[in-house]
Amino acid sequence: MFLIVGLGNPGMKYDGTRHNMGYDTVTELIDRYHVPSSGIAMKALYGKGQIEGQRVILVKPLTYMNLSGEAVQQFVHYYKVDPASELIVIYDDIDLEPGQIRIREKGSAGSHNGMKSVLSCLGVNTFTRIRVGIGSRPEGWDLADYVLSRPSKEERVQIDEAIRHAADAVSLIVQGETEKAMNQYNRKM
C-alpha cells in the first residue's frame, strides 16, 4: 500500500495558490483514478483506492502547511507504512520554474516549512518526494505573500502541466518504476 500526501493549506482562501501544488496533484489523482473520499481522520482529508492496481491512500493534511507532519506521522503509524518504500509526499518548490517537477528518494526540506514539519515528525529523510515548480519570488516580494498568491494565467498553464506530470510520475512510482519516473521528469520540460 502507498501513502500519497499532497501538502497545502485547507480552505477556499488558499485554493489555487502556489503553496497548494501538493493538494492540486492529489486532486488530479482523485479525479483520474476515481478515488472516493473516506472522510476526515487524523487531521486530514483522505480517500482509499487504487492506482495502477496498487492500493493507495491519498491524503490532504488539514493542519495548515507548517504542521503537515502531524497528519503524515499519524497516517504512517496507523497504517504501518514504511516511509522508504511506501510514502510519496508532493509539494511546491520555489527553486523550480513553473512547469518543472523533481523526484527524489531522500533529501532535506530546503526552505519548505511543510517538509520541515514532515521530516521532524517522521524522524527520517528517506522517502519519495515530488516537488512541483512554482518559480522564484519576484524581487521585493515577501516569501509568504508569494507562495500564498495565485499564479498568472500563463504560469497556471505551465503549473497545470506539471501537476499532470507529477500525477503521471506517481503512477510510475507505485508500479515500482521510480527510476524511470526520475529519468523522464527530472529534466527541464
N, C-alpha and C. Protein backbone atom coordinates (compact mmCIF):
# COMPACT_ATOMS: atom_id res chain seq x y z
N MET A 1 0.85 -1.18 0.00
CA MET A 1 0.00 0.00 0.00
C MET A 1 0.89 1.24 0.00
N PHE A 2 0.45 2.26 -0.72
CA PHE A 2 1.18 3.53 -0.77
C PHE A 2 0.38 4.63 -0.09
N LEU A 3 1.07 5.45 0.68
CA LEU A 3 0.51 6.65 1.28
C LEU A 3 1.01 7.82 0.44
N ILE A 4 0.09 8.52 -0.20
CA ILE A 4 0.44 9.64 -1.08
C ILE A 4 -0.13 10.91 -0.48
N VAL A 5 0.74 11.82 -0.08
CA VAL A 5 0.35 13.02 0.64
C VAL A 5 0.64 14.25 -0.20
N GLY A 6 -0.36 15.10 -0.36
CA GLY A 6 -0.18 16.38 -1.03
C GLY A 6 -0.23 17.49 0.00
N LEU A 7 0.86 18.25 0.10
CA LEU A 7 0.91 19.34 1.09
C LEU A 7 0.20 20.58 0.55
N GLY A 8 -0.46 21.29 1.45
CA GLY A 8 -1.16 22.51 1.11
C GLY A 8 -1.84 23.08 2.33
N ASN A 9 -2.64 24.09 2.11
CA ASN A 9 -3.41 24.72 3.17
C ASN A 9 -4.90 24.51 2.89
N PRO A 10 -5.67 24.15 3.93
CA PRO A 10 -7.10 23.92 3.72
C PRO A 10 -7.88 25.23 3.59
N GLY A 11 -9.01 25.14 2.95
CA GLY A 11 -9.91 26.29 2.87
C GLY A 11 -9.89 26.96 1.51
N MET A 12 -11.03 27.52 1.15
CA MET A 12 -11.18 28.16 -0.16
C MET A 12 -10.22 29.33 -0.35
N LYS A 13 -9.85 29.97 0.74
CA LYS A 13 -8.92 31.11 0.68
C LYS A 13 -7.61 30.72 -0.01
N TYR A 14 -7.22 29.45 0.12
CA TYR A 14 -5.93 29.00 -0.41
C TYR A 14 -6.05 28.21 -1.71
N ASP A 15 -7.28 27.95 -2.17
CA ASP A 15 -7.45 27.22 -3.42
C ASP A 15 -6.73 27.93 -4.56
N GLY A 16 -5.97 27.17 -5.32
CA GLY A 16 -5.30 27.73 -6.48
C GLY A 16 -4.05 28.52 -6.20
N THR A 17 -3.62 28.59 -4.94
CA THR A 17 -2.39 29.32 -4.63
C THR A 17 -1.18 28.45 -4.95
N ARG A 18 -0.04 29.09 -5.07
CA ARG A 18 1.20 28.38 -5.39
C ARG A 18 1.55 27.34 -4.33
N HIS A 19 1.20 27.61 -3.10
CA HIS A 19 1.58 26.72 -1.99
C HIS A 19 0.73 25.45 -1.96
N ASN A 20 -0.30 25.35 -2.79
CA ASN A 20 -1.19 24.20 -2.76
C ASN A 20 -0.96 23.21 -3.91
N MET A 21 0.22 23.19 -4.45
CA MET A 21 0.51 22.28 -5.57
C MET A 21 0.38 20.81 -5.15
N GLY A 22 0.71 20.50 -3.92
CA GLY A 22 0.53 19.14 -3.43
C GLY A 22 -0.93 18.76 -3.39
N TYR A 23 -1.75 19.65 -2.85
CA TYR A 23 -3.20 19.43 -2.83
C TYR A 23 -3.72 19.23 -4.26
N ASP A 24 -3.28 20.12 -5.16
CA ASP A 24 -3.78 20.08 -6.54
C ASP A 24 -3.40 18.77 -7.22
N THR A 25 -2.21 18.26 -6.93
CA THR A 25 -1.79 16.99 -7.53
C THR A 25 -2.61 15.83 -6.98
N VAL A 26 -2.89 15.84 -5.68
CA VAL A 26 -3.74 14.80 -5.11
C VAL A 26 -5.15 14.88 -5.71
N THR A 27 -5.66 16.08 -5.92
CA THR A 27 -6.96 16.24 -6.57
C THR A 27 -6.93 15.64 -7.98
N GLU A 28 -5.85 15.87 -8.71
CA GLU A 28 -5.69 15.27 -10.04
C GLU A 28 -5.74 13.75 -9.95
N LEU A 29 -5.06 13.18 -8.97
CA LEU A 29 -5.07 11.72 -8.80
C LEU A 29 -6.46 11.21 -8.42
N ILE A 30 -7.15 11.93 -7.56
CA ILE A 30 -8.52 11.55 -7.16
C ILE A 30 -9.42 11.51 -8.39
N ASP A 31 -9.34 12.55 -9.20
CA ASP A 31 -10.18 12.63 -10.40
C ASP A 31 -9.80 11.56 -11.43
N ARG A 32 -8.52 11.40 -11.65
CA ARG A 32 -8.03 10.48 -12.67
C ARG A 32 -8.35 9.02 -12.33
N TYR A 33 -8.21 8.67 -11.05
CA TYR A 33 -8.39 7.26 -10.64
C TYR A 33 -9.69 7.02 -9.87
N HIS A 34 -10.56 8.03 -9.81
CA HIS A 34 -11.88 7.90 -9.19
C HIS A 34 -11.76 7.37 -7.75
N VAL A 35 -10.89 7.99 -6.97
CA VAL A 35 -10.69 7.59 -5.58
C VAL A 35 -11.74 8.28 -4.73
N PRO A 36 -12.59 7.50 -4.06
CA PRO A 36 -13.65 8.11 -3.24
C PRO A 36 -13.09 8.68 -1.94
N SER A 37 -13.77 9.68 -1.43
CA SER A 37 -13.38 10.24 -0.14
C SER A 37 -13.75 9.26 0.97
N SER A 38 -12.87 9.12 1.92
CA SER A 38 -13.16 8.32 3.11
C SER A 38 -13.49 9.22 4.29
N GLY A 39 -13.41 10.54 4.08
CA GLY A 39 -13.76 11.48 5.14
C GLY A 39 -12.55 12.15 5.74
N ILE A 40 -12.70 12.54 7.00
CA ILE A 40 -11.65 13.24 7.73
C ILE A 40 -11.24 12.38 8.92
N ALA A 41 -9.95 12.19 9.07
CA ALA A 41 -9.40 11.47 10.23
C ALA A 41 -7.94 11.87 10.37
N MET A 42 -7.42 11.76 11.55
CA MET A 42 -6.00 12.00 11.83
C MET A 42 -5.53 13.33 11.24
N LYS A 43 -6.33 14.36 11.40
CA LYS A 43 -6.01 15.71 10.96
C LYS A 43 -5.86 15.84 9.46
N ALA A 44 -6.63 15.04 8.69
CA ALA A 44 -6.51 15.10 7.24
C ALA A 44 -7.79 14.65 6.56
N LEU A 45 -7.97 15.11 5.34
CA LEU A 45 -8.99 14.60 4.43
C LEU A 45 -8.30 13.49 3.65
N TYR A 46 -8.96 12.33 3.53
CA TYR A 46 -8.29 11.22 2.85
C TYR A 46 -9.27 10.35 2.09
N GLY A 47 -8.72 9.57 1.19
CA GLY A 47 -9.50 8.62 0.41
C GLY A 47 -8.67 7.39 0.13
N LYS A 48 -9.34 6.24 0.04
CA LYS A 48 -8.66 4.98 -0.27
C LYS A 48 -9.11 4.50 -1.64
N GLY A 49 -8.17 3.99 -2.41
CA GLY A 49 -8.49 3.49 -3.73
C GLY A 49 -7.33 2.74 -4.33
N GLN A 50 -7.28 2.74 -5.66
CA GLN A 50 -6.21 2.05 -6.37
C GLN A 50 -5.67 2.94 -7.49
N ILE A 51 -4.36 2.86 -7.67
CA ILE A 51 -3.70 3.49 -8.79
C ILE A 51 -2.88 2.40 -9.46
N GLU A 52 -3.17 2.15 -10.72
CA GLU A 52 -2.46 1.12 -11.49
C GLU A 52 -2.42 -0.22 -10.75
N GLY A 53 -3.53 -0.57 -10.12
CA GLY A 53 -3.64 -1.85 -9.44
C GLY A 53 -3.04 -1.90 -8.05
N GLN A 54 -2.47 -0.80 -7.59
CA GLN A 54 -1.87 -0.75 -6.26
C GLN A 54 -2.80 -0.01 -5.29
N ARG A 55 -2.94 -0.57 -4.09
CA ARG A 55 -3.76 0.10 -3.06
C ARG A 55 -3.05 1.39 -2.62
N VAL A 56 -3.84 2.46 -2.51
CA VAL A 56 -3.29 3.75 -2.11
C VAL A 56 -4.23 4.43 -1.12
N ILE A 57 -3.63 5.29 -0.33
CA ILE A 57 -4.37 6.24 0.49
C ILE A 57 -3.88 7.62 0.07
N LEU A 58 -4.80 8.46 -0.39
CA LEU A 58 -4.48 9.82 -0.80
C LEU A 58 -4.85 10.75 0.35
N VAL A 59 -3.92 11.63 0.72
CA VAL A 59 -4.10 12.44 1.92
C VAL A 59 -3.82 13.91 1.65
N LYS A 60 -4.71 14.77 2.19
CA LYS A 60 -4.51 16.21 2.22
C LYS A 60 -4.57 16.64 3.69
N PRO A 61 -3.42 16.92 4.31
CA PRO A 61 -3.45 17.36 5.71
C PRO A 61 -4.28 18.63 5.89
N LEU A 62 -5.01 18.68 6.98
CA LEU A 62 -5.85 19.84 7.29
C LEU A 62 -5.23 20.72 8.39
N THR A 63 -3.96 20.52 8.66
CA THR A 63 -3.27 21.18 9.77
C THR A 63 -2.65 22.51 9.38
N TYR A 64 -2.78 22.94 8.17
CA TYR A 64 -2.03 24.04 7.57
C TYR A 64 -0.59 23.59 7.37
N MET A 65 0.05 24.23 6.44
CA MET A 65 1.34 23.78 5.93
C MET A 65 2.38 23.51 7.02
N ASN A 66 2.54 24.44 7.94
CA ASN A 66 3.64 24.35 8.90
C ASN A 66 3.52 23.18 9.87
N LEU A 67 2.36 22.54 9.94
CA LEU A 67 2.16 21.41 10.85
C LEU A 67 1.80 20.13 10.08
N SER A 68 2.08 20.10 8.79
CA SER A 68 1.71 18.96 7.94
C SER A 68 2.23 17.63 8.46
N GLY A 69 3.39 17.64 9.08
CA GLY A 69 4.00 16.41 9.56
C GLY A 69 3.16 15.68 10.58
N GLU A 70 2.33 16.41 11.33
CA GLU A 70 1.49 15.76 12.34
C GLU A 70 0.54 14.75 11.70
N ALA A 71 -0.11 15.16 10.61
CA ALA A 71 -1.04 14.26 9.91
C ALA A 71 -0.27 13.12 9.25
N VAL A 72 0.84 13.45 8.60
CA VAL A 72 1.63 12.42 7.91
C VAL A 72 2.08 11.36 8.90
N GLN A 73 2.59 11.80 10.04
CA GLN A 73 3.07 10.86 11.07
C GLN A 73 1.95 9.94 11.54
N GLN A 74 0.75 10.50 11.76
CA GLN A 74 -0.36 9.67 12.23
C GLN A 74 -0.75 8.61 11.20
N PHE A 75 -0.80 8.98 9.92
CA PHE A 75 -1.13 8.01 8.88
C PHE A 75 -0.04 6.95 8.75
N VAL A 76 1.21 7.36 8.78
CA VAL A 76 2.33 6.41 8.68
C VAL A 76 2.25 5.39 9.80
N HIS A 77 2.02 5.85 11.03
CA HIS A 77 1.96 4.93 12.17
C HIS A 77 0.71 4.05 12.15
N TYR A 78 -0.44 4.63 11.88
CA TYR A 78 -1.68 3.87 11.92
C TYR A 78 -1.70 2.77 10.86
N TYR A 79 -1.26 3.10 9.65
CA TYR A 79 -1.29 2.12 8.56
C TYR A 79 0.02 1.34 8.41
N LYS A 80 0.95 1.57 9.36
CA LYS A 80 2.23 0.86 9.36
C LYS A 80 2.94 0.96 8.00
N VAL A 81 3.02 2.19 7.50
CA VAL A 81 3.64 2.47 6.22
C VAL A 81 5.15 2.57 6.41
N ASP A 82 5.91 1.95 5.54
CA ASP A 82 7.36 2.09 5.52
C ASP A 82 7.68 3.32 4.66
N PRO A 83 8.12 4.41 5.29
CA PRO A 83 8.36 5.63 4.51
C PRO A 83 9.31 5.42 3.32
N ALA A 84 10.34 4.62 3.50
CA ALA A 84 11.33 4.45 2.43
C ALA A 84 10.75 3.82 1.17
N SER A 85 9.72 3.00 1.31
CA SER A 85 9.20 2.31 0.13
C SER A 85 7.71 2.56 -0.15
N GLU A 86 6.99 3.21 0.78
CA GLU A 86 5.54 3.34 0.60
C GLU A 86 4.99 4.75 0.79
N LEU A 87 5.85 5.74 0.97
CA LEU A 87 5.39 7.11 1.19
C LEU A 87 5.84 8.00 0.04
N ILE A 88 4.90 8.79 -0.48
CA ILE A 88 5.19 9.80 -1.50
C ILE A 88 4.61 11.11 -1.00
N VAL A 89 5.44 12.15 -0.91
CA VAL A 89 4.98 13.47 -0.48
C VAL A 89 5.16 14.43 -1.66
N ILE A 90 4.11 15.19 -1.97
CA ILE A 90 4.11 16.10 -3.11
C ILE A 90 3.93 17.53 -2.58
N TYR A 91 4.78 18.44 -3.06
CA TYR A 91 4.72 19.81 -2.56
C TYR A 91 5.31 20.79 -3.56
N ASP A 92 5.07 22.08 -3.33
CA ASP A 92 5.55 23.15 -4.19
C ASP A 92 7.03 23.44 -3.93
N ASP A 93 7.70 24.00 -4.94
CA ASP A 93 9.11 24.33 -4.79
C ASP A 93 9.43 25.62 -5.54
N ILE A 94 9.94 26.61 -4.81
CA ILE A 94 10.29 27.90 -5.42
C ILE A 94 11.59 27.84 -6.21
N ASP A 95 12.36 26.78 -6.05
CA ASP A 95 13.63 26.66 -6.76
C ASP A 95 13.48 26.01 -8.14
N LEU A 96 12.27 25.64 -8.50
CA LEU A 96 11.99 25.08 -9.81
C LEU A 96 11.06 26.03 -10.57
N GLU A 97 11.30 26.18 -11.85
CA GLU A 97 10.45 27.02 -12.68
C GLU A 97 9.06 26.41 -12.81
N PRO A 98 8.03 27.23 -13.02
CA PRO A 98 6.70 26.68 -13.26
C PRO A 98 6.75 25.70 -14.43
N GLY A 99 6.13 24.55 -14.25
CA GLY A 99 6.13 23.53 -15.28
C GLY A 99 7.13 22.42 -15.04
N GLN A 100 8.09 22.63 -14.15
CA GLN A 100 9.07 21.60 -13.85
C GLN A 100 8.66 20.79 -12.63
N ILE A 101 9.07 19.53 -12.59
CA ILE A 101 8.94 18.73 -11.37
C ILE A 101 10.29 18.05 -11.11
N ARG A 102 10.51 17.67 -9.86
CA ARG A 102 11.70 16.91 -9.47
C ARG A 102 11.26 15.80 -8.54
N ILE A 103 11.81 14.63 -8.76
CA ILE A 103 11.52 13.47 -7.92
C ILE A 103 12.81 13.06 -7.23
N ARG A 104 12.75 12.88 -5.93
CA ARG A 104 13.91 12.43 -5.15
C ARG A 104 13.44 11.39 -4.15
N GLU A 105 14.35 10.51 -3.76
CA GLU A 105 14.03 9.47 -2.77
C GLU A 105 14.51 9.82 -1.37
N LYS A 106 15.26 10.91 -1.25
CA LYS A 106 15.68 11.39 0.07
C LYS A 106 16.17 12.82 -0.08
N GLY A 107 16.37 13.47 1.04
CA GLY A 107 16.89 14.83 0.99
C GLY A 107 16.42 15.68 2.15
N SER A 108 16.78 16.95 2.06
CA SER A 108 16.42 17.90 3.10
C SER A 108 15.11 18.59 2.73
N ALA A 109 14.65 19.44 3.63
CA ALA A 109 13.42 20.19 3.40
C ALA A 109 13.68 21.49 2.65
N GLY A 110 14.94 21.90 2.58
CA GLY A 110 15.23 23.20 1.99
C GLY A 110 14.55 24.28 2.82
N SER A 111 13.90 25.22 2.15
CA SER A 111 13.21 26.31 2.87
C SER A 111 11.73 26.03 3.06
N HIS A 112 11.29 24.81 2.73
CA HIS A 112 9.86 24.50 2.75
C HIS A 112 9.41 24.08 4.15
N ASN A 113 8.57 24.90 4.79
CA ASN A 113 8.15 24.63 6.17
C ASN A 113 7.29 23.38 6.31
N GLY A 114 6.49 23.07 5.30
CA GLY A 114 5.70 21.84 5.36
C GLY A 114 6.59 20.62 5.39
N MET A 115 7.62 20.61 4.55
CA MET A 115 8.55 19.49 4.55
C MET A 115 9.40 19.46 5.82
N LYS A 116 9.73 20.61 6.37
CA LYS A 116 10.45 20.64 7.65
C LYS A 116 9.62 19.92 8.71
N SER A 117 8.31 20.17 8.71
CA SER A 117 7.42 19.53 9.67
C SER A 117 7.35 18.02 9.44
N VAL A 118 7.26 17.61 8.17
CA VAL A 118 7.20 16.17 7.85
C VAL A 118 8.48 15.48 8.31
N LEU A 119 9.62 16.05 7.98
CA LEU A 119 10.90 15.45 8.37
C LEU A 119 11.04 15.38 9.88
N SER A 120 10.64 16.44 10.56
CA SER A 120 10.73 16.47 12.02
C SER A 120 9.84 15.42 12.67
N CYS A 121 8.61 15.31 12.21
CA CYS A 121 7.67 14.36 12.81
C CYS A 121 8.02 12.91 12.48
N LEU A 122 8.50 12.65 11.29
CA LEU A 122 8.85 11.28 10.92
C LEU A 122 10.21 10.86 11.45
N GLY A 123 11.12 11.82 11.58
CA GLY A 123 12.46 11.50 12.04
C GLY A 123 13.31 10.79 11.00
N VAL A 124 12.87 10.79 9.75
CA VAL A 124 13.63 10.19 8.64
C VAL A 124 13.54 11.13 7.44
N ASN A 125 14.55 11.02 6.56
CA ASN A 125 14.51 11.82 5.34
C ASN A 125 14.52 10.96 4.08
N THR A 126 14.37 9.65 4.27
CA THR A 126 14.38 8.72 3.14
C THR A 126 12.96 8.31 2.80
N PHE A 127 12.36 9.06 1.90
CA PHE A 127 11.05 8.75 1.33
C PHE A 127 10.93 9.54 0.04
N THR A 128 10.09 9.09 -0.84
CA THR A 128 9.95 9.73 -2.15
C THR A 128 9.20 11.04 -2.01
N ARG A 129 9.75 12.04 -2.67
CA ARG A 129 9.07 13.34 -2.71
C ARG A 129 9.06 13.83 -4.15
N ILE A 130 7.95 14.48 -4.50
CA ILE A 130 7.81 15.08 -5.82
C ILE A 130 7.60 16.57 -5.59
N ARG A 131 8.53 17.35 -6.11
CA ARG A 131 8.45 18.81 -5.98
C ARG A 131 7.89 19.39 -7.28
N VAL A 132 6.91 20.27 -7.15
CA VAL A 132 6.26 20.90 -8.29
C VAL A 132 6.70 22.36 -8.32
N GLY A 133 7.33 22.76 -9.42
CA GLY A 133 7.88 24.11 -9.52
C GLY A 133 6.83 25.20 -9.58
N ILE A 134 7.08 26.25 -8.80
CA ILE A 134 6.19 27.42 -8.82
C ILE A 134 6.97 28.69 -9.19
N GLY A 135 8.28 28.57 -9.37
CA GLY A 135 9.10 29.73 -9.71
C GLY A 135 9.51 30.52 -8.48
N SER A 136 10.59 31.28 -8.65
CA SER A 136 11.11 32.05 -7.51
C SER A 136 10.31 33.34 -7.34
N ARG A 137 10.32 33.81 -6.13
CA ARG A 137 9.57 35.04 -5.83
C ARG A 137 10.23 36.24 -6.50
N PRO A 138 9.41 37.14 -6.97
CA PRO A 138 9.96 38.36 -7.58
C PRO A 138 10.68 39.21 -6.52
N GLU A 139 11.62 39.97 -6.99
CA GLU A 139 12.37 40.85 -6.09
C GLU A 139 11.41 41.78 -5.35
N GLY A 140 11.63 41.92 -4.06
CA GLY A 140 10.80 42.79 -3.24
C GLY A 140 9.59 42.11 -2.63
N TRP A 141 9.29 40.88 -3.05
CA TRP A 141 8.14 40.14 -2.51
C TRP A 141 8.56 39.41 -1.24
N ASP A 142 7.67 39.38 -0.27
CA ASP A 142 7.82 38.53 0.90
C ASP A 142 7.54 37.09 0.46
N LEU A 143 8.34 36.13 0.95
CA LEU A 143 8.18 34.74 0.52
C LEU A 143 6.77 34.22 0.83
N ALA A 144 6.25 34.49 2.03
CA ALA A 144 4.91 34.01 2.39
C ALA A 144 3.85 34.60 1.46
N ASP A 145 3.97 35.89 1.16
CA ASP A 145 3.00 36.51 0.26
C ASP A 145 3.06 35.87 -1.13
N TYR A 146 4.27 35.55 -1.58
CA TYR A 146 4.43 34.96 -2.91
C TYR A 146 3.80 33.57 -2.97
N VAL A 147 4.15 32.68 -2.03
CA VAL A 147 3.64 31.31 -2.11
C VAL A 147 2.13 31.25 -1.88
N LEU A 148 1.58 32.23 -1.20
CA LEU A 148 0.14 32.26 -0.97
C LEU A 148 -0.61 33.05 -2.05
N SER A 149 0.11 33.50 -3.07
CA SER A 149 -0.54 34.19 -4.19
C SER A 149 -0.92 33.18 -5.27
N ARG A 150 -1.75 33.64 -6.19
CA ARG A 150 -2.16 32.79 -7.31
C ARG A 150 -1.30 33.11 -8.52
N PRO A 151 -0.91 32.08 -9.26
CA PRO A 151 -0.09 32.31 -10.45
C PRO A 151 -0.85 33.05 -11.54
N SER A 152 -0.10 33.67 -12.45
CA SER A 152 -0.71 34.31 -13.61
C SER A 152 -1.32 33.22 -14.50
N LYS A 153 -2.13 33.63 -15.48
CA LYS A 153 -2.74 32.66 -16.39
C LYS A 153 -1.68 31.85 -17.13
N GLU A 154 -0.61 32.52 -17.56
CA GLU A 154 0.46 31.84 -18.29
C GLU A 154 1.16 30.82 -17.37
N GLU A 155 1.47 31.24 -16.15
CA GLU A 155 2.11 30.32 -15.21
C GLU A 155 1.18 29.17 -14.85
N ARG A 156 -0.10 29.45 -14.74
CA ARG A 156 -1.06 28.40 -14.37
C ARG A 156 -1.08 27.29 -15.42
N VAL A 157 -0.97 27.65 -16.68
CA VAL A 157 -0.93 26.64 -17.74
C VAL A 157 0.29 25.73 -17.52
N GLN A 158 1.44 26.33 -17.24
CA GLN A 158 2.66 25.55 -17.01
C GLN A 158 2.53 24.70 -15.75
N ILE A 159 1.98 25.28 -14.69
CA ILE A 159 1.84 24.57 -13.42
C ILE A 159 0.86 23.41 -13.56
N ASP A 160 -0.24 23.63 -14.29
CA ASP A 160 -1.20 22.54 -14.50
C ASP A 160 -0.56 21.38 -15.25
N GLU A 161 0.32 21.70 -16.20
CA GLU A 161 1.04 20.64 -16.91
C GLU A 161 1.96 19.89 -15.94
N ALA A 162 2.63 20.62 -15.05
CA ALA A 162 3.50 19.99 -14.06
C ALA A 162 2.70 19.10 -13.11
N ILE A 163 1.50 19.53 -12.75
CA ILE A 163 0.63 18.71 -11.89
C ILE A 163 0.28 17.41 -12.58
N ARG A 164 -0.05 17.48 -13.88
CA ARG A 164 -0.33 16.25 -14.64
C ARG A 164 0.90 15.35 -14.70
N HIS A 165 2.07 15.95 -14.88
CA HIS A 165 3.31 15.16 -14.90
C HIS A 165 3.57 14.53 -13.53
N ALA A 166 3.31 15.27 -12.47
CA ALA A 166 3.50 14.72 -11.12
C ALA A 166 2.58 13.53 -10.90
N ALA A 167 1.33 13.63 -11.37
CA ALA A 167 0.39 12.51 -11.25
C ALA A 167 0.85 11.33 -12.10
N ASP A 168 1.38 11.61 -13.30
CA ASP A 168 1.95 10.54 -14.13
C ASP A 168 3.11 9.86 -13.42
N ALA A 169 3.94 10.67 -12.76
CA ALA A 169 5.09 10.12 -12.02
C ALA A 169 4.62 9.22 -10.89
N VAL A 170 3.57 9.62 -10.18
CA VAL A 170 3.03 8.78 -9.11
C VAL A 170 2.62 7.43 -9.67
N SER A 171 1.97 7.42 -10.84
CA SER A 171 1.52 6.14 -11.40
C SER A 171 2.71 5.24 -11.72
N LEU A 172 3.84 5.80 -12.14
CA LEU A 172 5.05 5.01 -12.37
C LEU A 172 5.65 4.52 -11.05
N ILE A 173 5.71 5.40 -10.06
CA ILE A 173 6.34 5.06 -8.79
C ILE A 173 5.61 3.91 -8.10
N VAL A 174 4.27 3.95 -8.09
CA VAL A 174 3.54 2.87 -7.41
C VAL A 174 3.68 1.54 -8.14
N GLN A 175 4.12 1.58 -9.39
CA GLN A 175 4.38 0.35 -10.14
C GLN A 175 5.84 -0.10 -10.01
N GLY A 176 6.59 0.55 -9.12
CA GLY A 176 7.98 0.19 -8.91
C GLY A 176 8.93 0.80 -9.91
N GLU A 177 8.50 1.84 -10.58
CA GLU A 177 9.28 2.47 -11.65
C GLU A 177 9.79 3.86 -11.26
N THR A 178 10.30 3.99 -10.02
CA THR A 178 10.78 5.30 -9.55
C THR A 178 11.91 5.82 -10.41
N GLU A 179 12.86 4.97 -10.74
CA GLU A 179 13.99 5.41 -11.56
C GLU A 179 13.52 5.89 -12.93
N LYS A 180 12.58 5.18 -13.52
CA LYS A 180 12.02 5.59 -14.81
C LYS A 180 11.35 6.96 -14.68
N ALA A 181 10.60 7.17 -13.60
CA ALA A 181 9.94 8.46 -13.37
C ALA A 181 10.98 9.57 -13.24
N MET A 182 12.06 9.30 -12.49
CA MET A 182 13.11 10.31 -12.32
C MET A 182 13.77 10.62 -13.66
N ASN A 183 14.08 9.61 -14.44
CA ASN A 183 14.70 9.82 -15.74
C ASN A 183 13.80 10.61 -16.68
N GLN A 184 12.51 10.35 -16.60
CA GLN A 184 11.57 11.02 -17.50
C GLN A 184 11.27 12.45 -17.10
N TYR A 185 11.17 12.72 -15.79
CA TYR A 185 10.69 14.04 -15.36
C TYR A 185 11.73 14.93 -14.70
N ASN A 186 12.88 14.41 -14.30
CA ASN A 186 13.89 15.26 -13.65
C ASN A 186 14.76 15.96 -14.69
N ARG A 187 14.13 16.60 -15.62
CA ARG A 187 14.81 17.39 -16.63
C ARG A 187 13.92 18.56 -16.98
N LYS A 188 14.50 19.56 -17.58
CA LYS A 188 13.69 20.71 -17.98
C LYS A 188 12.74 20.28 -19.07
N MET A 189 11.49 20.62 -18.93
CA MET A 189 10.46 20.22 -19.89
C MET A 189 10.31 21.28 -20.97
